Amino acid sequence: MSAIETVPEVENYKKLLNNIINQINQICKNINRDPSTIKIVGVSKYVDHTKLPYLLDAGIHVLAENRWQIAKPKLESERSHEVEWHFIGRLQTNKINFIVPRFSWIHSVDSVERLINISQSAERALCTVNCLLQVNISGELTKSGVSRGQVMDLAKLALTLPGINFRGLMTMAPHEDNSENTRTVFRGLKQLLDDIQYETGVKQIDQLSMGMSNDYQLAIEEGATIVRIGRKLCANF
């Protein structure tokens, strides 16, 4: 592709990224928080692998995928090594051996079986993967994740398994018209993280992956350290 062809795409992604950064900076100023403590993860699942260079040239180097089949062409592309890859989708047993060696972070760990599968795969691949436990704070039947009552035991197990660097928790808030209901979900995840830190004494368990395009502002106010931004950052141009 020529430089002329890439400029509009790159400039569009730069504008989206700058908008997100400016909004986060303002939120952090309002609540007296350091914006450098927040990682912006671009959810690139709808972006074709041919557009990966546009995202990278715009400064978007942290990307998330939720399906191995969709992620594969991007991971095999020439500049894939420039990306910090996050996996945010439901883990299928027959895909774990493909995912573990290629993703730095897995957000969607939701069972003892998945933890053990990831650990075994990481040992075979001679790697370590950052893992987050997905928690179903709202209790919705349509949402994946462990219940509040299961989190502590799973967290303690995660700390013992080789190949796993247990870093924190993830949740998906329900789509609510009432923002205070969403805030309650985020606040509940932060409390769980505090409980795990207190119970285990491990301060490196400090990551909260919560908040997406429609609610990341609230999530940051309630302590999010990772926000997963799709349509507002990784749009299709």
Foldseek 3Di string as FASTA:
>chain_A
DDPVVLVVLLVVLLVLVVVVLVLLVVLCVVLVHDSVLAAEEEAQLPPQLVCVVSNVSSPHAEYEYADCVSCVSNLPDPCNVSHQYEYEHDDDLVCLLVPLVRHQEYADDADPVSLVSSLVSLVVVVAAHEYAFEEAQVPDPPFGGYYLVPPQVVQVVQVPGHRYDYAEHEYEADDDPDVVSSLVSLLVRVVSLVVNCVVVVDPNNQAYEYEEQVGVSSNVVNPHSYYYYYCSNNNDD
